[in-house]
Amino acid sequence: MSTPETSRFVRLQVELVLEVEDAEAVTKRALDRLAGEIDMPDEERVHAEAAVTEDTAEALAYLVDPFDLVSEVPGVELQQASWSSERIEYDPDSPAWDLDEDDDDDEEEDGIG
């Protein structure tokens, strides 16, 4: 593809850190959504139910859909998406979690900052 053809594609990277205050509610909602998946094969359903029941991070990954984030944005169509979740140690006061630091570097590279 030439540059003009590829310039219409944008990679949007988003990193979220969520605090789960009610793991049971998250798991229940994921199981409810799974129950509504009428076209899901039984073997896949059993595997998905086990995953979301055993790990809240898996339940969140099942509930968060990148399509939902952009489905109502006019003029864009989601071409590809991947996402994952994992339990982490989080310290909001740690410099490792200073997300603004990365933004400043990106702005300077783009000629914005």
PDB file of N, CA and C in Angstrom:
ATOM      1  N   MET A   1       0.843  -1.188   0.000  1.00  0.00           N
ATOM      2  CA  MET A   1       0.000   0.000   0.000  1.00  0.00           C
ATOM      3  C   MET A   1       0.877   1.235   0.000  1.00  0.00           C
ATOM      4  N   SER A   2       0.445   2.236  -0.685  1.00  0.00           N
ATOM      5  CA  SER A   2       1.179   3.493  -0.682  1.00  0.00           C
ATOM      6  C   SER A   2       0.833   4.280   0.573  1.00  0.00           C
ATOM      7  N   THR A   3       1.618   5.308   0.851  1.00  0.00           N
ATOM      8  CA  THR A   3       1.400   6.123   2.050  1.00  0.00           C
ATOM      9  C   THR A   3       0.003   6.738   2.084  1.00  0.00           C
ATOM     10  N   PRO A   4      -0.510   7.312   0.980  1.00  0.00           N
ATOM     11  CA  PRO A   4      -1.861   7.874   1.044  1.00  0.00           C
ATOM     12  C   PRO A   4      -2.928   6.832   1.388  1.00  0.00           C
ATOM     13  N   GLU A   5      -2.746   5.587   0.935  1.00  0.00           N
ATOM     14  CA  GLU A   5      -3.722   4.551   1.247  1.00  0.00           C
ATOM     15  C   GLU A   5      -3.645   4.138   2.718  1.00  0.00           C
ATOM     16  N   THR A   6      -2.451   4.069   3.270  1.00  0.00           N
ATOM     17  CA  THR A   6      -2.311   3.630   4.663  1.00  0.00           C
ATOM     18  C   THR A   6      -2.579   4.741   5.652  1.00  0.00           C
ATOM     19  N   SER A   7      -2.508   5.986   5.243  1.00  0.00           N
ATOM     20  CA  SER A   7      -2.688   7.093   6.185  1.00  0.00           C
ATOM     21  C   SER A   7      -4.100   7.172   6.738  1.00  0.00           C
ATOM     22  N   ARG A   8      -5.040   6.499   6.131  1.00  0.00           N
ATOM     23  CA  ARG A   8      -6.408   6.536   6.654  1.00  0.00           C
ATOM     24  C   ARG A   8      -6.609   5.548   7.800  1.00  0.00           C
ATOM     25  N   PHE A   9      -5.612   4.690   8.054  1.00  0.00           N
ATOM     26  CA  PHE A   9      -5.679   3.737   9.151  1.00  0.00           C
ATOM     27  C   PHE A   9      -4.983   4.324  10.378  1.00  0.00           C
ATOM     28  N   VAL A  10      -5.609   4.170  11.527  1.00  0.00           N
ATOM     29  CA  VAL A  10      -5.087   4.721  12.778  1.00  0.00           C
ATOM     30  C   VAL A  10      -5.051   3.614  13.820  1.00  0.00           C
ATOM     31  N   ARG A  11      -3.915   3.484  14.492  1.00  0.00           N
ATOM     32  CA  ARG A  11      -3.835   2.553  15.630  1.00  0.00           C
ATOM     33  C   ARG A  11      -4.094   3.363  16.892  1.00  0.00           C
ATOM     34  N   LEU A  12      -5.129   3.020  17.609  1.00  0.00           N
ATOM     35  CA  LEU A  12      -5.493   3.682  18.858  1.00  0.00           C
ATOM     36  C   LEU A  12      -5.133   2.733  19.991  1.00  0.00           C
ATOM     37  N   GLN A  13      -4.165   3.124  20.803  1.00  0.00           N
ATOM     38  CA  GLN A  13      -3.747   2.285  21.922  1.00  0.00           C
ATOM     39  C   GLN A  13      -4.318   2.859  23.205  1.00  0.00           C
ATOM     40  N   VAL A  14      -4.986   2.012  23.950  1.00  0.00           N
ATOM     41  CA  VAL A  14      -5.610   2.424  25.195  1.00  0.00           C
ATOM     42  C   VAL A  14      -5.179   1.440  26.280  1.00  0.00           C
ATOM     43  N   GLU A  15      -4.749   1.976  27.402  1.00  0.00           N
ATOM     44  CA  GLU A  15      -4.421   1.128  28.542  1.00  0.00           C
ATOM     45  C   GLU A  15      -5.277   1.584  29.704  1.00  0.00           C
ATOM     46  N   LEU A  16      -5.991   0.667  30.283  1.00  0.00           N
ATOM     47  CA  LEU A  16      -6.867   0.967  31.404  1.00  0.00           C
ATOM     48  C   LEU A  16      -6.399   0.195  32.627  1.00  0.00           C
ATOM     49  N   VAL A  17      -6.487   0.813  33.786  1.00  0.00           N
ATOM     50  CA  VAL A  17      -6.284   0.119  35.051  1.00  0.00           C
ATOM     51  C   VAL A  17      -7.597   0.278  35.807  1.00  0.00           C
ATOM     52  N   LEU A  18      -8.219  -0.835  36.077  1.00  0.00           N
ATOM     53  CA  LEU A  18      -9.519  -0.827  36.738  1.00  0.00           C
ATOM     54  C   LEU A  18      -9.398  -1.396  38.139  1.00  0.00           C
ATOM     55  N   GLU A  19     -10.105  -0.806  39.063  1.00  0.00           N
ATOM     56  CA  GLU A  19     -10.185  -1.362  40.413  1.00  0.00           C
ATOM     57  C   GLU A  19     -11.492  -2.131  40.508  1.00  0.00           C
ATOM     58  N   VAL A  20     -11.410  -3.403  40.782  1.00  0.00           N
ATOM     59  CA  VAL A  20     -12.597  -4.243  40.905  1.00  0.00           C
ATOM     60  C   VAL A  20     -13.055  -4.209  42.350  1.00  0.00           C
ATOM     61  N   GLU A  21     -14.186  -3.566  42.571  1.00  0.00           N
ATOM     62  CA  GLU A  21     -14.727  -3.438  43.917  1.00  0.00           C
ATOM     63  C   GLU A  21     -15.721  -4.543  44.245  1.00  0.00           C
ATOM     64  N   ASP A  22     -16.269  -5.187  43.204  1.00  0.00           N
ATOM     65  CA  ASP A  22     -17.244  -6.258  43.421  1.00  0.00           C
ATOM     66  C   ASP A  22     -17.013  -7.344  42.373  1.00  0.00           C
ATOM     67  N   ALA A  23     -16.095  -8.249  42.678  1.00  0.00           N
ATOM     68  CA  ALA A  23     -15.735  -9.313  41.733  1.00  0.00           C
ATOM     69  C   ALA A  23     -16.932 -10.202  41.411  1.00  0.00           C
ATOM     70  N   GLU A  24     -17.780 -10.443  42.382  1.00  0.00           N
ATOM     71  CA  GLU A  24     -18.958 -11.287  42.145  1.00  0.00           C
ATOM     72  C   GLU A  24     -19.894 -10.652  41.123  1.00  0.00           C
ATOM     73  N   ALA A  25     -20.070  -9.340  41.182  1.00  0.00           N
ATOM     74  CA  ALA A  25     -20.941  -8.654  40.221  1.00  0.00           C
ATOM     75  C   ALA A  25     -20.358  -8.732  38.807  1.00  0.00           C
ATOM     76  N   VAL A  26     -19.045  -8.590  38.703  1.00  0.00           N
ATOM     77  CA  VAL A  26     -18.383  -8.687  37.394  1.00  0.00           C
ATOM     78  C   VAL A  26     -18.566 -10.091  36.832  1.00  0.00           C
ATOM     79  N   THR A  27     -18.310 -11.082  37.649  1.00  0.00           N
ATOM     80  CA  THR A  27     -18.448 -12.476  37.208  1.00  0.00           C
ATOM     81  C   THR A  27     -19.886 -12.778  36.814  1.00  0.00           C
ATOM     82  N   LYS A  28     -20.839 -12.326  37.622  1.00  0.00           N
ATOM     83  CA  LYS A  28     -22.259 -12.570  37.313  1.00  0.00           C
ATOM     84  C   LYS A  28     -22.645 -11.946  35.977  1.00  0.00           C
ATOM     85  N   ARG A  29     -22.180 -10.732  35.740  1.00  0.00           N
ATOM     86  CA  ARG A  29     -22.519 -10.064  34.470  1.00  0.00           C
ATOM     87  C   ARG A  29     -21.904 -10.804  33.286  1.00  0.00           C
ATOM     88  N   ALA A  30     -20.678 -11.289  33.438  1.00  0.00           N
ATOM     89  CA  ALA A  30     -20.041 -12.046  32.359  1.00  0.00           C
ATOM     90  C   ALA A  30     -20.801 -13.350  32.107  1.00  0.00           C
ATOM     91  N   LEU A  31     -21.214 -14.021  33.168  1.00  0.00           N
ATOM     92  CA  LEU A  31     -21.993 -15.250  32.994  1.00  0.00           C
ATOM     93  C   LEU A  31     -23.347 -14.972  32.353  1.00  0.00           C
ATOM     94  N   ASP A  32     -23.976 -13.850  32.716  1.00  0.00           N
ATOM     95  CA  ASP A  32     -25.248 -13.457  32.088  1.00  0.00           C
ATOM     96  C   ASP A  32     -25.060 -13.227  30.588  1.00  0.00           C
ATOM     97  N   ARG A  33     -23.963 -12.554  30.237  1.00  0.00           N
ATOM     98  CA  ARG A  33     -23.702 -12.299  28.816  1.00  0.00           C
ATOM     99  C   ARG A  33     -23.462 -13.617  28.077  1.00  0.00           C
ATOM    100  N   LEU A  34     -22.708 -14.517  28.705  1.00  0.00           N
ATOM    101  CA  LEU A  34     -22.474 -15.827  28.098  1.00  0.00           C
ATOM    102  C   LEU A  34     -23.785 -16.581  27.885  1.00  0.00           C
ATOM    103  N   ALA A  35     -24.681 -16.495  28.846  1.00  0.00           N
ATOM    104  CA  ALA A  35     -25.975 -17.177  28.733  1.00  0.00           C
ATOM    105  C   ALA A  35     -26.769 -16.653  27.536  1.00  0.00           C
ATOM    106  N   GLY A  36     -26.545 -15.402  27.184  1.00  0.00           N
ATOM    107  CA  GLY A  36     -27.250 -14.805  26.053  1.00  0.00           C
ATOM    108  C   GLY A  36     -26.639 -15.116  24.694  1.00  0.00           C
ATOM    109  N   GLU A  37     -25.487 -15.756  24.681  1.00  0.00           N
ATOM    110  CA  GLU A  37     -24.809 -16.114  23.431  1.00  0.00           C
ATOM    111  C   GLU A  37     -25.423 -17.406  22.893  1.00  0.00           C
ATOM    112  N   ILE A  38     -26.492 -17.289  22.116  1.00  0.00           N
ATOM    113  CA  ILE A  38     -27.233 -18.469  21.667  1.00  0.00           C
ATOM    114  C   ILE A  38     -26.492 -19.285  20.606  1.00  0.00           C
ATOM    115  N   ASP A  39     -25.579 -18.657  19.879  1.00  0.00           N
ATOM    116  CA  ASP A  39     -24.867 -19.364  18.819  1.00  0.00           C
ATOM    117  C   ASP A  39     -23.552 -19.986  19.286  1.00  0.00           C
ATOM    118  N   MET A  40     -23.212 -19.852  20.552  1.00  0.00           N
ATOM    119  CA  MET A  40     -21.944 -20.363  21.057  1.00  0.00           C
ATOM    120  C   MET A  40     -22.031 -21.883  21.237  1.00  0.00           C
ATOM    121  N   PRO A  41     -21.067 -22.611  20.669  1.00  0.00           N
ATOM    122  CA  PRO A  41     -21.045 -24.071  20.864  1.00  0.00           C
ATOM    123  C   PRO A  41     -20.892 -24.426  22.342  1.00  0.00           C
ATOM    124  N   ASP A  42     -21.485 -25.535  22.756  1.00  0.00           N
ATOM    125  CA  ASP A  42     -21.479 -25.949  24.163  1.00  0.00           C
ATOM    126  C   ASP A  42     -20.069 -26.076  24.725  1.00  0.00           C
ATOM    127  N   GLU A  43     -19.148 -26.667  23.956  1.00  0.00           N
ATOM    128  CA  GLU A  43     -17.779 -26.849  24.441  1.00  0.00           C
ATOM    129  C   GLU A  43     -17.106 -25.502  24.708  1.00  0.00           C
ATOM    130  N   GLU A  44     -17.326 -24.545  23.817  1.00  0.00           N
ATOM    131  CA  GLU A  44     -16.760 -23.204  23.996  1.00  0.00           C
ATOM    132  C   GLU A  44     -17.402 -22.505  25.191  1.00  0.00           C
ATOM    133  N   ARG A  45     -18.700 -22.700  25.367  1.00  0.00           N
ATOM    134  CA  ARG A  45     -19.422 -22.082  26.488  1.00  0.00           C
ATOM    135  C   ARG A  45     -18.883 -22.596  27.821  1.00  0.00           C
ATOM    136  N   VAL A  46     -18.679 -23.902  27.934  1.00  0.00           N
ATOM    137  CA  VAL A  46     -18.162 -24.486  29.170  1.00  0.00           C
ATOM    138  C   VAL A  46     -16.793 -23.908  29.487  1.00  0.00           C
ATOM    139  N   HIS A  47     -15.942 -23.801  28.476  1.00  0.00           N
ATOM    140  CA  HIS A  47     -14.605 -23.239  28.676  1.00  0.00           C
ATOM    141  C   HIS A  47     -14.692 -21.767  29.108  1.00  0.00           C
ATOM    142  N   ALA A  48     -15.534 -20.978  28.436  1.00  0.00           N
ATOM    143  CA  ALA A  48     -15.671 -19.557  28.761  1.00  0.00           C
ATOM    144  C   ALA A  48     -16.246 -19.361  30.164  1.00  0.00           C
ATOM    145  N   GLU A  49     -17.236 -20.157  30.516  1.00  0.00           N
ATOM    146  CA  GLU A  49     -17.832 -20.048  31.852  1.00  0.00           C
ATOM    147  C   GLU A  49     -16.803 -20.363  32.938  1.00  0.00           C
ATOM    148  N   ALA A  50     -15.988 -21.378  32.710  1.00  0.00           N
ATOM    149  CA  ALA A  50     -14.947 -21.722  33.683  1.00  0.00           C
ATOM    150  C   ALA A  50     -13.938 -20.583  33.805  1.00  0.00           C
ATOM    151  N   ALA A  51     -13.540 -20.003  32.675  1.00  0.00           N
ATOM    152  CA  ALA A  51     -12.546 -18.929  32.687  1.00  0.00           C
ATOM    153  C   ALA A  51     -13.048 -17.703  33.430  1.00  0.00           C
ATOM    154  N   VAL A  52     -14.277 -17.267  33.147  1.00  0.00           N
ATOM    155  CA  VAL A  52     -14.782 -16.050  33.803  1.00  0.00           C
ATOM    156  C   VAL A  52     -15.125 -16.287  35.260  1.00  0.00           C
ATOM    157  N   THR A  53     -15.428 -17.531  35.631  1.00  0.00           N
ATOM    158  CA  THR A  53     -15.723 -17.856  37.024  1.00  0.00           C
ATOM    159  C   THR A  53     -14.451 -17.902  37.860  1.00  0.00           C
ATOM    160  N   GLU A  54     -13.376 -18.405  37.278  1.00  0.00           N
ATOM    161  CA  GLU A  54     -12.121 -18.571  38.011  1.00  0.00           C
ATOM    162  C   GLU A  54     -11.301 -17.291  38.111  1.00  0.00           C
ATOM    163  N   ASP A  55     -11.481 -16.357  37.175  1.00  0.00           N
ATOM    164  CA  ASP A  55     -10.604 -15.190  37.120  1.00  0.00           C
ATOM    165  C   ASP A  55     -11.394 -13.941  36.738  1.00  0.00           C
ATOM    166  N   THR A  56     -11.434 -12.986  37.647  1.00  0.00           N
ATOM    167  CA  THR A  56     -12.155 -11.733  37.393  1.00  0.00           C
ATOM    168  C   THR A  56     -11.573 -10.990  36.191  1.00  0.00           C
ATOM    169  N   ALA A  57     -10.260 -11.086  35.997  1.00  0.00           N
ATOM    170  CA  ALA A  57      -9.642 -10.435  34.840  1.00  0.00           C
ATOM    171  C   ALA A  57     -10.197 -11.022  33.544  1.00  0.00           C
ATOM    172  N   GLU A  58     -10.418 -12.322  33.512  1.00  0.00           N
ATOM    173  CA  GLU A  58     -11.014 -12.952  32.328  1.00  0.00           C
ATOM    174  C   GLU A  58     -12.456 -12.479  32.141  1.00  0.00           C
ATOM    175  N   ALA A  59     -13.181 -12.343  33.237  1.00  0.00           N
ATOM    176  CA  ALA A  59     -14.561 -11.855  33.149  1.00  0.00           C
ATOM    177  C   ALA A  59     -14.583 -10.448  32.562  1.00  0.00           C
ATOM    178  N   LEU A  60     -13.664  -9.598  33.003  1.00  0.00           N
ATOM    179  CA  LEU A  60     -13.590  -8.238  32.456  1.00  0.00           C
ATOM    180  C   LEU A  60     -13.236  -8.253  30.973  1.00  0.00           C
ATOM    181  N   ALA A  61     -12.282  -9.096  30.594  1.00  0.00           N
ATOM    182  CA  ALA A  61     -11.899  -9.188  29.182  1.00  0.00           C
ATOM    183  C   ALA A  61     -13.085  -9.634  28.336  1.00  0.00           C
ATOM    184  N   TYR A  62     -13.942 -10.465  28.896  1.00  0.00           N
ATOM    185  CA  TYR A  62     -15.124 -10.911  28.161  1.00  0.00           C
ATOM    186  C   TYR A  62     -16.157  -9.794  28.037  1.00  0.00           C
ATOM    187  N   LEU A  63     -16.235  -8.929  29.050  1.00  0.00           N
ATOM    188  CA  LEU A  63     -17.245  -7.864  29.061  1.00  0.00           C
ATOM    189  C   LEU A  63     -16.835  -6.616  28.283  1.00  0.00           C
ATOM    190  N   VAL A  64     -15.544  -6.339  28.209  1.00  0.00           N
ATOM    191  CA  VAL A  64     -15.071  -5.133  27.533  1.00  0.00           C
ATOM    192  C   VAL A  64     -14.851  -5.462  26.062  1.00  0.00           C
ATOM    193  N   ASP A  65     -15.544  -4.742  25.193  1.00  0.00           N
ATOM    194  CA  ASP A  65     -15.473  -5.001  23.762  1.00  0.00           C
ATOM    195  C   ASP A  65     -15.013  -3.734  23.044  1.00  0.00           C
ATOM    196  N   PRO A  66     -13.867  -3.792  22.360  1.00  0.00           N
ATOM    197  CA  PRO A  66     -13.379  -2.599  21.644  1.00  0.00           C
ATOM    198  C   PRO A  66     -14.389  -2.052  20.631  1.00  0.00           C
ATOM    199  N   PHE A  67     -15.197  -2.910  20.044  1.00  0.00           N
ATOM    200  CA  PHE A  67     -16.212  -2.439  19.104  1.00  0.00           C
ATOM    201  C   PHE A  67     -17.155  -1.453  19.782  1.00  0.00           C
ATOM    202  N   ASP A  68     -17.511  -1.729  21.041  1.00  0.00           N
ATOM    203  CA  ASP A  68     -18.400  -0.832  21.784  1.00  0.00           C
ATOM    204  C   ASP A  68     -17.788   0.563  21.948  1.00  0.00           C
ATOM    205  N   LEU A  69     -16.457   0.623  22.019  1.00  0.00           N
ATOM    206  CA  LEU A  69     -15.783   1.909  22.210  1.00  0.00           C
ATOM    207  C   LEU A  69     -15.883   2.812  20.982  1.00  0.00           C
ATOM    208  N   VAL A  70     -15.954   2.220  19.802  1.00  0.00           N
ATOM    209  CA  VAL A  70     -15.923   3.033  18.575  1.00  0.00           C
ATOM    210  C   VAL A  70     -17.162   2.871  17.700  1.00  0.00           C
ATOM    211  N   SER A  71     -18.103   2.057  18.101  1.00  0.00           N
ATOM    212  CA  SER A  71     -19.249   1.756  17.243  1.00  0.00           C
ATOM    213  C   SER A  71     -20.090   2.984  16.889  1.00  0.00           C
ATOM    214  N   GLU A  72     -20.098   3.989  17.748  1.00  0.00           N
ATOM    215  CA  GLU A  72     -20.909   5.168  17.477  1.00  0.00           C
ATOM    216  C   GLU A  72     -20.088   6.375  17.038  1.00  0.00           C
ATOM    217  N   VAL A  73     -18.803   6.158  16.769  1.00  0.00           N
ATOM    218  CA  VAL A  73     -17.963   7.242  16.259  1.00  0.00           C
ATOM    219  C   VAL A  73     -18.227   7.356  14.762  1.00  0.00           C
ATOM    220  N   PRO A  74     -18.686   8.517  14.309  1.00  0.00           N
ATOM    221  CA  PRO A  74     -19.003   8.653  12.882  1.00  0.00           C
ATOM    222  C   PRO A  74     -17.750   8.609  12.010  1.00  0.00           C
ATOM    223  N   GLY A  75     -17.890   7.937  10.873  1.00  0.00           N
ATOM    224  CA  GLY A  75     -16.819   7.938   9.882  1.00  0.00           C
ATOM    225  C   GLY A  75     -15.705   6.948  10.119  1.00  0.00           C
ATOM    226  N   VAL A  76     -15.847   6.038  11.088  1.00  0.00           N
ATOM    227  CA  VAL A  76     -14.811   5.034  11.323  1.00  0.00           C
ATOM    228  C   VAL A  76     -15.426   3.642  11.335  1.00  0.00           C
ATOM    229  N   GLU A  77     -14.617   2.678  10.953  1.00  0.00           N
ATOM    230  CA  GLU A  77     -15.026   1.278  10.996  1.00  0.00           C
ATOM    231  C   GLU A  77     -13.885   0.473  11.609  1.00  0.00           C
ATOM    232  N   LEU A  78     -14.184  -0.270  12.649  1.00  0.00           N
ATOM    233  CA  LEU A  78     -13.173  -1.085  13.313  1.00  0.00           C
ATOM    234  C   LEU A  78     -12.696  -2.168  12.352  1.00  0.00           C
ATOM    235  N   GLN A  79     -11.396  -2.217  12.110  1.00  0.00           N
ATOM    236  CA  GLN A  79     -10.823  -3.191  11.191  1.00  0.00           C
ATOM    237  C   GLN A  79     -10.250  -4.402  11.910  1.00  0.00           C
ATOM    238  N   GLN A  80      -9.664  -4.176  13.070  1.00  0.00           N
ATOM    239  CA  GLN A  80      -9.020  -5.253  13.814  1.00  0.00           C
ATOM    240  C   GLN A  80      -8.909  -4.832  15.265  1.00  0.00           C
ATOM    241  N   ALA A  81      -9.027  -5.777  16.176  1.00  0.00           N
ATOM    242  CA  ALA A  81      -8.880  -5.451  17.590  1.00  0.00           C
ATOM    243  C   ALA A  81      -8.363  -6.672  18.336  1.00  0.00           C
ATOM    244  N   SER A  82      -7.592  -6.415  19.347  1.00  0.00           N
ATOM    245  CA  SER A  82      -7.177  -7.460  20.272  1.00  0.00           C
ATOM    246  C   SER A  82      -7.054  -6.827  21.640  1.00  0.00           C
ATOM    247  N   TRP A  83      -7.305  -7.599  22.651  1.00  0.00           N
ATOM    248  CA  TRP A  83      -7.198  -7.082  24.000  1.00  0.00           C
ATOM    249  C   TRP A  83      -7.023  -8.251  24.946  1.00  0.00           C
ATOM    250  N   SER A  84      -6.500  -7.933  26.088  1.00  0.00           N
ATOM    251  CA  SER A  84      -6.295  -8.947  27.118  1.00  0.00           C
ATOM    252  C   SER A  84      -6.405  -8.272  28.464  1.00  0.00           C
ATOM    253  N   SER A  85      -6.417  -9.080  29.491  1.00  0.00           N
ATOM    254  CA  SER A  85      -6.461  -8.527  30.837  1.00  0.00           C
ATOM    255  C   SER A  85      -5.609  -9.401  31.743  1.00  0.00           C
ATOM    256  N   GLU A  86      -5.139  -8.797  32.819  1.00  0.00           N
ATOM    257  CA  GLU A  86      -4.323  -9.519  33.781  1.00  0.00           C
ATOM    258  C   GLU A  86      -4.393  -8.808  35.118  1.00  0.00           C
ATOM    259  N   ARG A  87      -4.220  -9.558  36.168  1.00  0.00           N
ATOM    260  CA  ARG A  87      -4.135  -8.958  37.503  1.00  0.00           C
ATOM    261  C   ARG A  87      -2.757  -8.321  37.628  1.00  0.00           C
ATOM    262  N   ILE A  88      -2.696  -7.151  38.248  1.00  0.00           N
ATOM    263  CA  ILE A  88      -1.435  -6.429  38.396  1.00  0.00           C
ATOM    264  C   ILE A  88      -1.304  -5.886  39.807  1.00  0.00           C
ATOM    265  N   GLU A  89      -0.093  -5.546  40.169  1.00  0.00           N
ATOM    266  CA  GLU A  89       0.154  -4.772  41.381  1.00  0.00           C
ATOM    267  C   GLU A  89       0.115  -3.312  40.938  1.00  0.00           C
ATOM    268  N   TYR A  90      -0.651  -2.503  41.611  1.00  0.00           N
ATOM    269  CA  TYR A  90      -0.831  -1.116  41.189  1.00  0.00           C
ATOM    270  C   TYR A  90      -0.567  -0.177  42.349  1.00  0.00           C
ATOM    271  N   ASP A  91       0.304   0.777  42.123  1.00  0.00           N
ATOM    272  CA  ASP A  91       0.590   1.826  43.088  1.00  0.00           C
ATOM    273  C   ASP A  91       0.464   3.158  42.360  1.00  0.00           C
ATOM    274  N   PRO A  92      -0.630   3.877  42.548  1.00  0.00           N
ATOM    275  CA  PRO A  92      -0.844   5.118  41.807  1.00  0.00           C
ATOM    276  C   PRO A  92       0.216   6.176  42.065  1.00  0.00           C
ATOM    277  N   ASP A  93       0.977   6.047  43.157  1.00  0.00           N
ATOM    278  CA  ASP A  93       2.017   7.020  43.473  1.00  0.00           C
ATOM    279  C   ASP A  93       3.369   6.660  42.863  1.00  0.00           C
ATOM    280  N   SER A  94       3.464   5.493  42.277  1.00  0.00           N
ATOM    281  CA  SER A  94       4.724   5.043  41.694  1.00  0.00           C
ATOM    282  C   SER A  94       4.982   5.754  40.365  1.00  0.00           C
ATOM    283  N   PRO A  95       6.225   6.177  40.110  1.00  0.00           N
ATOM    284  CA  PRO A  95       6.554   6.806  38.828  1.00  0.00           C
ATOM    285  C   PRO A  95       6.312   5.876  37.637  1.00  0.00           C
ATOM    286  N   ALA A  96       6.314   4.582  37.872  1.00  0.00           N
ATOM    287  CA  ALA A  96       6.073   3.628  36.789  1.00  0.00           C
ATOM    288  C   ALA A  96       4.675   3.788  36.203  1.00  0.00           C
ATOM    289  N   TRP A  97       3.755   4.349  36.964  1.00  0.00           N
ATOM    290  CA  TRP A  97       2.379   4.519  36.508  1.00  0.00           C
ATOM    291  C   TRP A  97       2.085   5.951  36.060  1.00  0.00           C
ATOM    292  N   ASP A  98       3.114   6.751  35.850  1.00  0.00           N
ATOM    293  CA  ASP A  98       2.928   8.130  35.398  1.00  0.00           C
ATOM    294  C   ASP A  98       2.675   8.122  33.892  1.00  0.00           C
ATOM    295  N   LEU A  99       1.408   8.013  33.513  1.00  0.00           N
ATOM    296  CA  LEU A  99       1.046   7.921  32.102  1.00  0.00           C
ATOM    297  C   LEU A  99       1.298   9.224  31.359  1.00  0.00           C
ATOM    298  N   ASP A 100       1.279  10.357  32.042  1.00  0.00           N
ATOM    299  CA  ASP A 100       1.514  11.642  31.392  1.00  0.00           C
ATOM    300  C   ASP A 100       2.930  11.738  30.849  1.00  0.00           C
ATOM    301  N   GLU A 101       3.877  11.072  31.483  1.00  0.00           N
ATOM    302  CA  GLU A 101       5.264  11.115  31.040  1.00  0.00           C
ATOM    303  C   GLU A 101       5.386  10.595  29.619  1.00  0.00           C
ATOM    304  N   ASP A 102       4.727   9.486  29.287  1.00  0.00           N
ATOM    305  CA  ASP A 102       4.755   8.936  27.942  1.00  0.00           C
ATOM    306  C   ASP A 102       4.083   9.875  26.952  1.00  0.00           C
ATOM    307  N   ASP A 103       2.991  10.535  27.364  1.00  0.00           N
ATOM    308  CA  ASP A 103       2.281  11.445  26.478  1.00  0.00           C
ATOM    309  C   ASP A 103       3.167  12.604  26.053  1.00  0.00           C
ATOM    310  N   ASP A 104       3.976  13.140  26.976  1.00  0.00           N
ATOM    311  CA  ASP A 104       4.852  14.264  26.637  1.00  0.00           C
ATOM    312  C   ASP A 104       5.856  13.862  25.570  1.00  0.00           C
ATOM    313  N   ASP A 105       6.419  12.657  25.679  1.00  0.00           N
ATOM    314  CA  ASP A 105       7.378  12.174  24.689  1.00  0.00           C
ATOM    315  C   ASP A 105       6.729  12.029  23.322  1.00  0.00           C
ATOM    316  N   ASP A 106       5.501  11.489  23.286  1.00  0.00           N
ATOM    317  CA  ASP A 106       4.800  11.301  22.020  1.00  0.00           C
ATOM    318  C   ASP A 106       4.498  12.637  21.361  1.00  0.00           C
ATOM    319  N   GLU A 107       4.103  13.633  22.163  1.00  0.00           N
ATOM    320  CA  GLU A 107       3.776  14.930  21.611  1.00  0.00           C
ATOM    321  C   GLU A 107       4.994  15.564  20.967  1.00  0.00           C
ATOM    322  N   GLU A 108       6.166  15.407  21.612  1.00  0.00           N
ATOM    323  CA  GLU A 108       7.385  15.976  21.053  1.00  0.00           C
ATOM    324  C   GLU A 108       7.760  15.286  19.752  1.00  0.00           C
ATOM    325  N   GLU A 109       7.585  13.961  19.677  1.00  0.00           N
ATOM    326  CA  GLU A 109       7.868  13.230  18.450  1.00  0.00           C
ATOM    327  C   GLU A 109       6.949  13.646  17.327  1.00  0.00           C
ATOM    328  N   ASP A 110       5.705  13.948  17.645  1.00  0.00           N
ATOM    329  CA  ASP A 110       4.735  14.343  16.630  1.00  0.00           C
ATOM    330  C   ASP A 110       4.846  15.819  16.266  1.00  0.00           C
ATOM    331  N   GLY A 111       5.718  16.548  16.946  1.00  0.00           N
ATOM    332  CA  GLY A 111       5.844  17.973  16.693  1.00  0.00           C
ATOM    333  C   GLY A 111       4.763  18.792  17.353  1.00  0.00           C
ATOM    334  N   ILE A 112       4.054  18.208  18.317  1.00  0.00           N
ATOM    335  CA  ILE A 112       2.960  18.892  18.978  1.00  0.00           C
ATOM    336  C   ILE A 112       3.473  19.663  20.187  1.00  0.00           C
ATOM    337  N   GLY A 113       4.367  19.061  20.979  1.00  0.00           N
ATOM    338  CA  GLY A 113       4.787  19.642  22.247  1.00  0.00           C
ATOM    339  C   GLY A 113       6.004  20.498  22.134  1.00  0.00           C
TER     340      GLY A 113
END
